Amino acid sequence: MAILKIARMGHPVLLEKAAPVDDPTAPEIRRLVADMMETMLDAPGVGLAAPQVHVPLRLFVYRVPAARGGDDPEDAPLAPSVLINPEIEPLGDDIRLRWEGCLSIPGLRGAVPRPWRIRYRGLDAEGSPVERIAAGFHAGVVQHETDHLDGILYPMRMTDFRLFGFDQELARAAEQAS
């Protein structure tokens, strides 16, 4: 396995629509998934899409750490997983602001409006179907990573740029406010 170089905002690969994965079980896809898992955990991050490592294919790795999962069973912790050729369906009209960061935009965070509950489908690394309902943090991670596959970075979804800033400044402001 190997740690892969992460593309940063401004690189054209992050603005392209990624191509579907034809064979999720192909050796090169398995190797890519293993390297992406290692890279995500090393970064450390909670998601990493193939375009972020300069591979324009529709797959991402993701996880929901115990500290980030909520009380809702649809937002429970999730071990590192892969989703290939994902599809997302919003469930309901509940849209909430969610603070997001990105390994391709280091040091910054922004509040992004996202559907709170979604259903997602795709394939796992064995080519078997995956279908889940997710809420909260889990739903946000899946939406964020799927956006990468469509050439969308989270600032493109923001509606209020007053809620965008450097991690350190946002933490300092929150500390002063409390």
C-alpha atoms as a PDB file:
ATOM      1  CA  MET A   1       0.000   0.000   0.000  1.00  0.00           C
ATOM      2  CA  ALA A   2       1.042   3.605  -0.489  1.00  0.00           C
ATOM      3  CA  ILE A   3       0.192   7.096   0.683  1.00  0.00           C
ATOM      4  CA  LEU A   4      -1.120   8.985  -2.350  1.00  0.00           C
ATOM      5  CA  LYS A   5      -0.658  12.663  -3.179  1.00  0.00           C
ATOM      6  CA  ILE A   6      -3.860  14.637  -2.571  1.00  0.00           C
ATOM      7  CA  ALA A   7      -4.870  17.179  -5.226  1.00  0.00           C
ATOM      8  CA  ARG A   8      -5.570  20.621  -3.836  1.00  0.00           C
ATOM      9  CA  MET A   9      -8.162  23.170  -4.888  1.00  0.00           C
ATOM     10  CA  GLY A  10      -7.099  24.661  -8.202  1.00  0.00           C
ATOM     11  CA  HIS A  11      -6.078  21.354  -9.771  1.00  0.00           C
ATOM     12  CA  PRO A  12      -8.286  20.606 -12.824  1.00  0.00           C
ATOM     13  CA  VAL A  13      -8.933  16.965 -11.793  1.00  0.00           C
ATOM     14  CA  LEU A  14     -11.126  18.291  -8.959  1.00  0.00           C
ATOM     15  CA  LEU A  15     -13.447  20.049 -11.403  1.00  0.00           C
ATOM     16  CA  GLU A  16     -14.075  17.123 -13.777  1.00  0.00           C
ATOM     17  CA  LYS A  17     -16.968  14.685 -13.719  1.00  0.00           C
ATOM     18  CA  ALA A  18     -15.471  11.278 -12.914  1.00  0.00           C
ATOM     19  CA  ALA A  19     -16.039   8.198 -15.071  1.00  0.00           C
ATOM     20  CA  PRO A  20     -17.919   5.120 -13.799  1.00  0.00           C
ATOM     21  CA  VAL A  21     -15.901   2.161 -12.549  1.00  0.00           C
ATOM     22  CA  ASP A  22     -16.509  -0.751 -14.932  1.00  0.00           C
ATOM     23  CA  ASP A  23     -15.142  -3.563 -12.748  1.00  0.00           C
ATOM     24  CA  PRO A  24     -14.972  -2.909  -8.994  1.00  0.00           C
ATOM     25  CA  THR A  25     -13.051  -6.170  -8.503  1.00  0.00           C
ATOM     26  CA  ALA A  26     -10.253  -5.358 -10.965  1.00  0.00           C
ATOM     27  CA  PRO A  27      -6.805  -5.587  -9.338  1.00  0.00           C
ATOM     28  CA  GLU A  28      -6.017  -1.931 -10.093  1.00  0.00           C
ATOM     29  CA  ILE A  29      -9.271  -0.830  -8.389  1.00  0.00           C
ATOM     30  CA  ARG A  30      -8.545  -2.991  -5.324  1.00  0.00           C
ATOM     31  CA  ARG A  31      -5.051  -1.494  -5.116  1.00  0.00           C
ATOM     32  CA  LEU A  32      -6.461   2.033  -5.526  1.00  0.00           C
ATOM     33  CA  VAL A  33      -9.022   1.443  -2.750  1.00  0.00           C
ATOM     34  CA  ALA A  34      -6.351   0.080  -0.385  1.00  0.00           C
ATOM     35  CA  ASP A  35      -4.063   3.052  -1.091  1.00  0.00           C
ATOM     36  CA  MET A  36      -6.941   5.505  -0.671  1.00  0.00           C
ATOM     37  CA  MET A  37      -7.879   3.943   2.692  1.00  0.00           C
ATOM     38  CA  GLU A  38      -4.296   4.281   3.885  1.00  0.00           C
ATOM     39  CA  THR A  39      -4.131   7.872   2.615  1.00  0.00           C
ATOM     40  CA  MET A  40      -7.470   8.840   4.240  1.00  0.00           C
ATOM     41  CA  LEU A  41      -6.461   7.415   7.615  1.00  0.00           C
ATOM     42  CA  ASP A  42      -2.992   8.969   7.431  1.00  0.00           C
ATOM     43  CA  ALA A  43      -4.313  12.448   6.515  1.00  0.00           C
ATOM     44  CA  PRO A  44      -6.415  12.006   8.817  1.00  0.00           C
ATOM     45  CA  GLY A  45      -9.756  12.392   7.098  1.00  0.00           C
ATOM     46  CA  VAL A  46     -13.248  10.910   7.082  1.00  0.00           C
ATOM     47  CA  GLY A  47     -13.559  10.655   3.317  1.00  0.00           C
ATOM     48  CA  LEU A  48     -11.447  10.645   0.197  1.00  0.00           C
ATOM     49  CA  ALA A  49     -12.681  10.539  -3.394  1.00  0.00           C
ATOM     50  CA  ALA A  50     -10.641   9.097  -6.261  1.00  0.00           C
ATOM     51  CA  PRO A  51     -10.394  12.483  -8.055  1.00  0.00           C
ATOM     52  CA  GLN A  52      -8.685  13.845  -4.933  1.00  0.00           C
ATOM     53  CA  VAL A  53      -5.816  11.421  -5.614  1.00  0.00           C
ATOM     54  CA  HIS A  54      -5.702  12.305  -9.320  1.00  0.00           C
ATOM     55  CA  VAL A  55      -7.837   9.346 -10.492  1.00  0.00           C
ATOM     56  CA  PRO A  56     -11.052  10.503 -12.248  1.00  0.00           C
ATOM     57  CA  LEU A  57     -13.184   7.477 -11.312  1.00  0.00           C
ATOM     58  CA  ARG A  58     -16.512   7.324  -9.429  1.00  0.00           C
ATOM     59  CA  LEU A  59     -15.447   5.856  -6.115  1.00  0.00           C
ATOM     60  CA  PHE A  60     -14.628   7.066  -2.631  1.00  0.00           C
ATOM     61  CA  VAL A  61     -13.612   5.746   0.762  1.00  0.00           C
ATOM     62  CA  TYR A  62     -15.240   7.047   3.937  1.00  0.00           C
ATOM     63  CA  ARG A  63     -15.873   6.431   7.617  1.00  0.00           C
ATOM     64  CA  VAL A  64     -17.884   7.748  10.550  1.00  0.00           C
ATOM     65  CA  PRO A  65     -15.644   7.857  13.637  1.00  0.00           C
ATOM     66  CA  ALA A  66     -17.287   7.089  16.989  1.00  0.00           C
ATOM     67  CA  ALA A  67     -16.730  10.688  18.110  1.00  0.00           C
ATOM     68  CA  ARG A  68     -18.600  12.046  15.065  1.00  0.00           C
ATOM     69  CA  GLY A  69     -21.579   9.694  14.916  1.00  0.00           C
ATOM     70  CA  GLY A  70     -24.791  10.798  16.571  1.00  0.00           C
ATOM     71  CA  ASP A  71     -27.534   9.168  18.647  1.00  0.00           C
ATOM     72  CA  ASP A  72     -29.590   8.519  15.527  1.00  0.00           C
ATOM     73  CA  PRO A  73     -29.123   4.907  14.314  1.00  0.00           C
ATOM     74  CA  GLU A  74     -28.811   6.323  10.779  1.00  0.00           C
ATOM     75  CA  ASP A  75     -25.770   8.321  11.957  1.00  0.00           C
ATOM     76  CA  ALA A  76     -23.976   5.548  13.869  1.00  0.00           C
ATOM     77  CA  PRO A  77     -20.202   5.040  13.651  1.00  0.00           C
ATOM     78  CA  LEU A  78     -19.103   3.241  10.493  1.00  0.00           C
ATOM     79  CA  ALA A  79     -15.808   1.455   9.872  1.00  0.00           C
ATOM     80  CA  PRO A  80     -13.781   2.546   6.846  1.00  0.00           C
ATOM     81  CA  SER A  81     -15.793   1.610   3.754  1.00  0.00           C
ATOM     82  CA  VAL A  82     -15.762   2.093   0.006  1.00  0.00           C
ATOM     83  CA  LEU A  83     -18.596   3.169  -2.280  1.00  0.00           C
ATOM     84  CA  ILE A  84     -18.268   2.678  -6.027  1.00  0.00           C
ATOM     85  CA  ASN A  85     -20.551   4.343  -8.607  1.00  0.00           C
ATOM     86  CA  PRO A  86     -22.708   5.990  -5.907  1.00  0.00           C
ATOM     87  CA  GLU A  87     -26.200   7.405  -6.309  1.00  0.00           C
ATOM     88  CA  ILE A  88     -27.835   9.656  -3.707  1.00  0.00           C
ATOM     89  CA  GLU A  89     -31.491  10.374  -3.042  1.00  0.00           C
ATOM     90  CA  PRO A  90     -32.465  13.072  -0.497  1.00  0.00           C
ATOM     91  CA  LEU A  91     -35.154  11.916   1.953  1.00  0.00           C
ATOM     92  CA  GLY A  92     -37.487  14.674   3.075  1.00  0.00           C
ATOM     93  CA  ASP A  93     -37.148  18.445   2.977  1.00  0.00           C
ATOM     94  CA  ASP A  94     -34.929  18.895   6.045  1.00  0.00           C
ATOM     95  CA  ILE A  95     -31.900  20.913   4.891  1.00  0.00           C
ATOM     96  CA  ARG A  96     -29.345  21.910   7.552  1.00  0.00           C
ATOM     97  CA  LEU A  97     -26.075  23.764   7.597  1.00  0.00           C
ATOM     98  CA  ARG A  98     -23.150  21.429   8.167  1.00  0.00           C
ATOM     99  CA  TRP A  99     -19.580  22.527   8.869  1.00  0.00           C
ATOM    100  CA  GLU A 100     -17.271  20.882   6.355  1.00  0.00           C
ATOM    101  CA  GLY A 101     -13.586  20.726   5.689  1.00  0.00           C
ATOM    102  CA  CYS A 102     -11.758  18.993   2.874  1.00  0.00           C
ATOM    103  CA  LEU A 103      -8.376  17.356   2.430  1.00  0.00           C
ATOM    104  CA  SER A 104      -8.139  19.215  -0.907  1.00  0.00           C
ATOM    105  CA  ILE A 105      -8.755  22.580   0.806  1.00  0.00           C
ATOM    106  CA  PRO A 106      -6.532  22.271   3.888  1.00  0.00           C
ATOM    107  CA  GLY A 107      -6.964  24.601   6.831  1.00  0.00           C
ATOM    108  CA  LEU A 108     -10.400  25.953   5.861  1.00  0.00           C
ATOM    109  CA  ARG A 109     -13.982  25.161   6.899  1.00  0.00           C
ATOM    110  CA  GLY A 110     -17.369  26.326   5.750  1.00  0.00           C
ATOM    111  CA  ALA A 111     -21.061  25.835   6.527  1.00  0.00           C
ATOM    112  CA  VAL A 112     -22.772  23.973   3.683  1.00  0.00           C
ATOM    113  CA  PRO A 113     -26.532  23.397   3.349  1.00  0.00           C
ATOM    114  CA  ARG A 114     -27.169  19.656   2.936  1.00  0.00           C
ATOM    115  CA  PRO A 115     -30.167  17.329   3.147  1.00  0.00           C
ATOM    116  CA  TRP A 116     -30.131  15.835   6.656  1.00  0.00           C
ATOM    117  CA  ARG A 117     -31.280  12.365   5.536  1.00  0.00           C
ATOM    118  CA  ILE A 118     -30.398  10.524   2.352  1.00  0.00           C
ATOM    119  CA  ARG A 119     -30.552   7.087   0.795  1.00  0.00           C
ATOM    120  CA  TYR A 120     -27.440   6.055  -1.041  1.00  0.00           C
ATOM    121  CA  ARG A 121     -26.630   3.147  -3.297  1.00  0.00           C
ATOM    122  CA  GLY A 122     -23.549   1.829  -5.004  1.00  0.00           C
ATOM    123  CA  LEU A 123     -21.191  -1.109  -4.980  1.00  0.00           C
ATOM    124  CA  ASP A 124     -18.606  -2.289  -2.475  1.00  0.00           C
ATOM    125  CA  ALA A 125     -15.103  -3.536  -3.319  1.00  0.00           C
ATOM    126  CA  GLU A 126     -16.495  -7.005  -4.087  1.00  0.00           C
ATOM    127  CA  GLY A 127     -18.986  -5.571  -6.575  1.00  0.00           C
ATOM    128  CA  SER A 128     -21.898  -6.309  -4.225  1.00  0.00           C
ATOM    129  CA  PRO A 129     -24.733  -3.796  -3.925  1.00  0.00           C
ATOM    130  CA  VAL A 130     -24.701  -1.370  -0.991  1.00  0.00           C
ATOM    131  CA  GLU A 131     -27.808   0.543   0.043  1.00  0.00           C
ATOM    132  CA  ARG A 132     -28.124   2.585   3.224  1.00  0.00           C
ATOM    133  CA  ILE A 133     -30.178   5.342   4.748  1.00  0.00           C
ATOM    134  CA  ALA A 134     -27.942   7.872   6.453  1.00  0.00           C
ATOM    135  CA  ALA A 135     -28.527  10.995   8.512  1.00  0.00           C
ATOM    136  CA  GLY A 136     -26.452  13.762  10.054  1.00  0.00           C
ATOM    137  CA  PHE A 137     -22.671  13.496   9.831  1.00  0.00           C
ATOM    138  CA  HIS A 138     -22.815  10.196   7.897  1.00  0.00           C
ATOM    139  CA  ALA A 139     -25.149  11.706   5.275  1.00  0.00           C
ATOM    140  CA  GLY A 140     -22.956  14.791   4.992  1.00  0.00           C
ATOM    141  CA  VAL A 141     -19.782  12.787   4.374  1.00  0.00           C
ATOM    142  CA  VAL A 142     -21.436  10.749   1.609  1.00  0.00           C
ATOM    143  CA  GLN A 143     -22.809  13.888  -0.049  1.00  0.00           C
ATOM    144  CA  HIS A 144     -19.466  15.700   0.197  1.00  0.00           C
ATOM    145  CA  GLU A 145     -17.558  12.799  -1.357  1.00  0.00           C
ATOM    146  CA  THR A 146     -20.167  12.254  -4.091  1.00  0.00           C
ATOM    147  CA  ASP A 147     -19.843  15.952  -4.972  1.00  0.00           C
ATOM    148  CA  HIS A 148     -16.134  15.346  -5.640  1.00  0.00           C
ATOM    149  CA  LEU A 149     -17.148  12.782  -8.276  1.00  0.00           C
ATOM    150  CA  ASP A 150     -19.178  15.479 -10.026  1.00  0.00           C
ATOM    151  CA  GLY A 151     -16.424  18.121  -9.912  1.00  0.00           C
ATOM    152  CA  ILE A 152     -18.008  20.060  -7.044  1.00  0.00           C
ATOM    153  CA  LEU A 153     -16.017  21.401  -4.078  1.00  0.00           C
ATOM    154  CA  TYR A 154     -17.899  22.338  -0.907  1.00  0.00           C
ATOM    155  CA  PRO A 155     -17.397  26.138  -1.270  1.00  0.00           C
ATOM    156  CA  MET A 156     -19.416  25.893  -4.504  1.00  0.00           C
ATOM    157  CA  ARG A 157     -22.413  24.793  -2.382  1.00  0.00           C
ATOM    158  CA  MET A 158     -22.062  27.493   0.271  1.00  0.00           C
ATOM    159  CA  THR A 159     -24.750  30.163   0.520  1.00  0.00           C
ATOM    160  CA  ASP A 160     -23.223  32.414   3.226  1.00  0.00           C
ATOM    161  CA  PHE A 161     -19.519  33.161   2.947  1.00  0.00           C
ATOM    162  CA  ARG A 162     -19.549  34.748   6.402  1.00  0.00           C
ATOM    163  CA  LEU A 163     -19.523  31.086   7.542  1.00  0.00           C
ATOM    164  CA  PHE A 164     -16.243  30.299   5.789  1.00  0.00           C
ATOM    165  CA  GLY A 165     -12.795  30.654   7.271  1.00  0.00           C
ATOM    166  CA  PHE A 166      -9.556  29.230   8.499  1.00  0.00           C
ATOM    167  CA  ASP A 167      -9.860  26.462  11.118  1.00  0.00           C
ATOM    168  CA  GLN A 168      -7.747  28.359  13.647  1.00  0.00           C
ATOM    169  CA  GLU A 169      -9.710  31.599  13.282  1.00  0.00           C
ATOM    170  CA  LEU A 170     -13.067  29.825  13.530  1.00  0.00           C
ATOM    171  CA  ALA A 171     -11.891  27.966  16.669  1.00  0.00           C
ATOM    172  CA  ARG A 172     -10.617  31.227  18.201  1.00  0.00           C
ATOM    173  CA  ALA A 173     -13.933  32.985  17.455  1.00  0.00           C
ATOM    174  CA  ALA A 174     -15.921  30.086  18.950  1.00  0.00           C
ATOM    175  CA  GLU A 175     -13.741  30.129  22.065  1.00  0.00           C
ATOM    176  CA  GLN A 176     -14.218  33.891  22.512  1.00  0.00           C
ATOM    177  CA  ALA A 177     -17.979  33.538  22.040  1.00  0.00           C
ATOM    178  CA  SER A 178     -18.284  30.940  24.831  1.00  0.00           C
END
